[in-house]
Amino acid sequence: VHGSHDNLSLPFRHSLEMAVPQTQLFEDEVPLIRSCPALNEIRLAEEIKDLTLEVKDGVRLQVHRIILAARIPSLRADLRGCLTEKAAVLRWPTVPLCLATSLITYVYTGQVEVTQANVRGMIAFAKMLNLTNLEKWGTNFMAKR
């Protein structure tokens, strides 16, 4: 009887491990990628860019002030006004490229992929930028692990 119990518990344990994905896609109620996919296409093509994000190790990402201001209200004051080319750089020197890319993808699409590798950084970054949905999604992701 003991041996058969062990055999039954293995598939159950395996199914529980499989039930908790290592990556989870979260999205806004109405993801921007569905209502205006051209915004992300323009970002990926690096067209009409007017702001550079400089992240850890001096890596640069090209973005659009109006999109960041609309999607991250806590940045509006920093993005307001006429910026010179030198001032058109937003510096996040402690943010790794992979985390900045995830955030920018969310900003342009309304979707974010949360993983075991990025969840802690995502929560901290979301708190810093007052992005409550991202913070909540990261916390929910961690709670299921």
C-alpha atoms as a PDB file:
ATOM      1  CA  VAL A   1       0.000   0.000   0.000  1.00  0.00           C
ATOM      2  CA  HIS A   2       2.846   2.402   0.816  1.00  0.00           C
ATOM      3  CA  GLY A   3       4.384   1.963  -2.644  1.00  0.00           C
ATOM      4  CA  SER A   4       1.108   2.681  -4.442  1.00  0.00           C
ATOM      5  CA  HIS A   5       0.624   5.855  -2.369  1.00  0.00           C
ATOM      6  CA  ASP A   6       4.045   7.103  -3.491  1.00  0.00           C
ATOM      7  CA  ASN A   7       3.127   6.413  -7.109  1.00  0.00           C
ATOM      8  CA  LEU A   8      -0.082   8.409  -6.774  1.00  0.00           C
ATOM      9  CA  SER A   9       1.627  11.376  -5.201  1.00  0.00           C
ATOM     10  CA  LEU A  10       4.203  11.751  -7.984  1.00  0.00           C
ATOM     11  CA  PRO A  11       1.748  12.638 -10.769  1.00  0.00           C
ATOM     12  CA  PHE A  12      -0.158  14.920  -8.406  1.00  0.00           C
ATOM     13  CA  ARG A  13       3.017  16.747  -7.368  1.00  0.00           C
ATOM     14  CA  HIS A  14       4.084  16.978 -11.023  1.00  0.00           C
ATOM     15  CA  SER A  15       0.697  18.435 -12.014  1.00  0.00           C
ATOM     16  CA  LEU A  16       0.939  21.046  -9.252  1.00  0.00           C
ATOM     17  CA  GLU A  17       4.364  22.122 -10.471  1.00  0.00           C
ATOM     18  CA  MET A  18       3.050  22.367 -14.010  1.00  0.00           C
ATOM     19  CA  ALA A  19       0.019  24.376 -12.858  1.00  0.00           C
ATOM     20  CA  VAL A  20       2.223  27.271 -11.705  1.00  0.00           C
ATOM     21  CA  PRO A  21       3.770  28.816 -14.824  1.00  0.00           C
ATOM     22  CA  GLN A  22       7.224  30.384 -14.605  1.00  0.00           C
ATOM     23  CA  THR A  23       6.026  33.245 -16.804  1.00  0.00           C
ATOM     24  CA  GLN A  24       2.670  34.978 -16.783  1.00  0.00           C
ATOM     25  CA  LEU A  25       1.251  37.606 -19.114  1.00  0.00           C
ATOM     26  CA  PHE A  26      -0.738  40.371 -17.437  1.00  0.00           C
ATOM     27  CA  GLU A  27      -2.640  43.024 -19.335  1.00  0.00           C
ATOM     28  CA  ASP A  28      -4.747  46.104 -18.819  1.00  0.00           C
ATOM     29  CA  GLU A  29      -8.513  45.736 -19.086  1.00  0.00           C
ATOM     30  CA  VAL A  30      -8.287  47.216 -22.587  1.00  0.00           C
ATOM     31  CA  PRO A  31      -4.673  46.666 -23.713  1.00  0.00           C
ATOM     32  CA  LEU A  32      -3.282  49.467 -25.834  1.00  0.00           C
ATOM     33  CA  ILE A  33      -1.885  46.938 -28.315  1.00  0.00           C
ATOM     34  CA  ARG A  34      -5.462  46.057 -29.327  1.00  0.00           C
ATOM     35  CA  SER A  35      -6.791  49.588 -29.671  1.00  0.00           C
ATOM     36  CA  CYS A  36      -3.711  51.193 -31.227  1.00  0.00           C
ATOM     37  CA  PRO A  37      -1.054  48.684 -32.335  1.00  0.00           C
ATOM     38  CA  ALA A  38       0.655  51.377 -34.428  1.00  0.00           C
ATOM     39  CA  LEU A  39       2.109  52.952 -31.257  1.00  0.00           C
ATOM     40  CA  ASN A  40       4.171  49.856 -30.530  1.00  0.00           C
ATOM     41  CA  GLU A  41       5.101  49.505 -34.207  1.00  0.00           C
ATOM     42  CA  ILE A  42       6.429  53.087 -34.211  1.00  0.00           C
ATOM     43  CA  ARG A  43       8.391  52.391 -31.011  1.00  0.00           C
ATOM     44  CA  LEU A  44       9.932  49.201 -32.390  1.00  0.00           C
ATOM     45  CA  ALA A  45      10.896  50.993 -35.611  1.00  0.00           C
ATOM     46  CA  GLU A  46      12.387  53.824 -33.491  1.00  0.00           C
ATOM     47  CA  GLU A  47      10.452  56.371 -35.543  1.00  0.00           C
ATOM     48  CA  ILE A  48       9.415  59.884 -34.475  1.00  0.00           C
ATOM     49  CA  LYS A  49      11.324  59.442 -31.217  1.00  0.00           C
ATOM     50  CA  ASP A  50      11.859  62.439 -28.986  1.00  0.00           C
ATOM     51  CA  LEU A  51      13.177  60.974 -25.742  1.00  0.00           C
ATOM     52  CA  THR A  52      16.017  58.665 -24.805  1.00  0.00           C
ATOM     53  CA  LEU A  53      15.938  56.451 -21.738  1.00  0.00           C
ATOM     54  CA  GLU A  54      19.418  55.769 -20.453  1.00  0.00           C
ATOM     55  CA  VAL A  55      19.492  52.707 -18.210  1.00  0.00           C
ATOM     56  CA  LYS A  56      22.159  50.690 -16.411  1.00  0.00           C
ATOM     57  CA  ASP A  57      25.531  50.487 -18.169  1.00  0.00           C
ATOM     58  CA  GLY A  58      24.617  53.488 -20.352  1.00  0.00           C
ATOM     59  CA  VAL A  59      22.313  51.475 -22.625  1.00  0.00           C
ATOM     60  CA  ARG A  60      19.809  53.691 -24.438  1.00  0.00           C
ATOM     61  CA  LEU A  61      16.205  53.115 -25.488  1.00  0.00           C
ATOM     62  CA  GLN A  62      14.289  55.431 -27.808  1.00  0.00           C
ATOM     63  CA  VAL A  63      10.771  56.392 -26.694  1.00  0.00           C
ATOM     64  CA  HIS A  64       8.136  59.110 -27.000  1.00  0.00           C
ATOM     65  CA  ARG A  65       7.505  61.683 -24.261  1.00  0.00           C
ATOM     66  CA  ILE A  66       3.771  61.902 -24.910  1.00  0.00           C
ATOM     67  CA  ILE A  67       3.336  58.129 -24.519  1.00  0.00           C
ATOM     68  CA  LEU A  68       5.353  58.004 -21.291  1.00  0.00           C
ATOM     69  CA  ALA A  69       3.527  61.052 -19.916  1.00  0.00           C
ATOM     70  CA  ALA A  70       0.146  59.505 -20.715  1.00  0.00           C
ATOM     71  CA  ARG A  71       0.926  56.052 -19.342  1.00  0.00           C
ATOM     72  CA  ILE A  72       3.168  56.968 -16.379  1.00  0.00           C
ATOM     73  CA  PRO A  73       1.573  60.019 -14.735  1.00  0.00           C
ATOM     74  CA  SER A  74       4.367  60.271 -12.151  1.00  0.00           C
ATOM     75  CA  LEU A  75       6.756  61.230 -14.988  1.00  0.00           C
ATOM     76  CA  ARG A  76       4.619  64.061 -16.409  1.00  0.00           C
ATOM     77  CA  ALA A  77       6.367  66.844 -14.508  1.00  0.00           C
ATOM     78  CA  ASP A  78       9.785  65.598 -15.655  1.00  0.00           C
ATOM     79  CA  LEU A  79       8.608  65.402 -19.268  1.00  0.00           C
ATOM     80  CA  ARG A  80       6.764  68.730 -19.392  1.00  0.00           C
ATOM     81  CA  GLY A  81       7.962  71.647 -21.472  1.00  0.00           C
ATOM     82  CA  CYS A  82      10.356  72.083 -24.323  1.00  0.00           C
ATOM     83  CA  LEU A  83      13.363  69.852 -23.829  1.00  0.00           C
ATOM     84  CA  THR A  84      16.659  70.480 -25.548  1.00  0.00           C
ATOM     85  CA  GLU A  85      18.373  67.527 -27.173  1.00  0.00           C
ATOM     86  CA  LYS A  86      20.677  67.205 -24.163  1.00  0.00           C
ATOM     87  CA  ALA A  87      17.736  67.368 -21.752  1.00  0.00           C
ATOM     88  CA  ALA A  88      15.751  64.822 -23.783  1.00  0.00           C
ATOM     89  CA  VAL A  89      17.392  62.008 -21.838  1.00  0.00           C
ATOM     90  CA  LEU A  90      15.687  60.358 -18.892  1.00  0.00           C
ATOM     91  CA  ARG A  91      18.282  58.542 -16.792  1.00  0.00           C
ATOM     92  CA  TRP A  92      17.539  55.382 -14.838  1.00  0.00           C
ATOM     93  CA  PRO A  93      21.126  54.327 -14.018  1.00  0.00           C
ATOM     94  CA  THR A  94      20.177  51.464 -11.681  1.00  0.00           C
ATOM     95  CA  VAL A  95      17.529  49.893 -13.927  1.00  0.00           C
ATOM     96  CA  PRO A  96      18.731  46.895 -15.964  1.00  0.00           C
ATOM     97  CA  LEU A  97      17.889  46.851 -19.672  1.00  0.00           C
ATOM     98  CA  CYS A  98      15.614  43.796 -19.386  1.00  0.00           C
ATOM     99  CA  LEU A  99      13.489  45.513 -16.723  1.00  0.00           C
ATOM    100  CA  ALA A 100      13.316  48.815 -18.629  1.00  0.00           C
ATOM    101  CA  THR A 101      12.329  46.926 -21.787  1.00  0.00           C
ATOM    102  CA  SER A 102       9.537  45.109 -19.929  1.00  0.00           C
ATOM    103  CA  LEU A 103       8.235  48.407 -18.565  1.00  0.00           C
ATOM    104  CA  ILE A 104       8.377  50.159 -21.935  1.00  0.00           C
ATOM    105  CA  THR A 105       6.656  47.210 -23.600  1.00  0.00           C
ATOM    106  CA  TYR A 106       3.892  47.543 -21.001  1.00  0.00           C
ATOM    107  CA  VAL A 107       3.648  51.306 -21.569  1.00  0.00           C
ATOM    108  CA  TYR A 108       3.158  50.847 -25.319  1.00  0.00           C
ATOM    109  CA  THR A 109       1.045  47.668 -25.293  1.00  0.00           C
ATOM    110  CA  GLY A 110      -0.764  47.402 -21.964  1.00  0.00           C
ATOM    111  CA  GLN A 111       0.758  43.936 -21.580  1.00  0.00           C
ATOM    112  CA  VAL A 112       3.659  42.751 -19.440  1.00  0.00           C
ATOM    113  CA  GLU A 113       5.287  39.386 -19.055  1.00  0.00           C
ATOM    114  CA  VAL A 114       6.173  38.730 -15.422  1.00  0.00           C
ATOM    115  CA  THR A 115       8.800  36.065 -14.765  1.00  0.00           C
ATOM    116  CA  GLN A 116      10.653  34.652 -11.796  1.00  0.00           C
ATOM    117  CA  ALA A 117      13.684  36.606 -13.029  1.00  0.00           C
ATOM    118  CA  ASN A 118      12.011  40.034 -13.280  1.00  0.00           C
ATOM    119  CA  VAL A 119       9.248  40.012 -10.661  1.00  0.00           C
ATOM    120  CA  ARG A 120      11.141  41.588  -7.751  1.00  0.00           C
ATOM    121  CA  GLY A 121      12.599  44.337  -9.904  1.00  0.00           C
ATOM    122  CA  MET A 122       9.215  44.879 -11.555  1.00  0.00           C
ATOM    123  CA  ILE A 123       7.511  45.391  -8.187  1.00  0.00           C
ATOM    124  CA  ALA A 124      10.191  47.834  -6.983  1.00  0.00           C
ATOM    125  CA  PHE A 125      10.143  49.756 -10.278  1.00  0.00           C
ATOM    126  CA  ALA A 126       6.321  49.858 -10.273  1.00  0.00           C
ATOM    127  CA  LYS A 127       6.346  51.279  -6.731  1.00  0.00           C
ATOM    128  CA  MET A 128       8.894  53.909  -7.741  1.00  0.00           C
ATOM    129  CA  LEU A 129       6.740  54.992 -10.706  1.00  0.00           C
ATOM    130  CA  ASN A 130       3.386  54.611  -8.877  1.00  0.00           C
ATOM    131  CA  LEU A 131       2.134  52.006 -11.356  1.00  0.00           C
ATOM    132  CA  THR A 132      -0.291  50.166  -9.107  1.00  0.00           C
ATOM    133  CA  ASN A 133      -1.407  47.579 -11.679  1.00  0.00           C
ATOM    134  CA  LEU A 134       2.169  46.443 -12.297  1.00  0.00           C
ATOM    135  CA  GLU A 135       2.840  46.292  -8.576  1.00  0.00           C
ATOM    136  CA  LYS A 136      -0.349  44.287  -7.981  1.00  0.00           C
ATOM    137  CA  TRP A 137       0.397  41.871 -10.831  1.00  0.00           C
ATOM    138  CA  GLY A 138       3.925  41.276  -9.557  1.00  0.00           C
ATOM    139  CA  THR A 139       2.672  40.686  -6.030  1.00  0.00           C
ATOM    140  CA  ASN A 140      -0.009  38.268  -7.290  1.00  0.00           C
ATOM    141  CA  PHE A 141       2.594  36.424  -9.371  1.00  0.00           C
ATOM    142  CA  MET A 142       4.851  36.001  -6.327  1.00  0.00           C
ATOM    143  CA  ALA A 143       1.960  34.904  -4.107  1.00  0.00           C
ATOM    144  CA  LYS A 144       1.249  31.978  -6.444  1.00  0.00           C
ATOM    145  CA  ARG A 145       4.789  30.657  -6.102  1.00  0.00           C
END
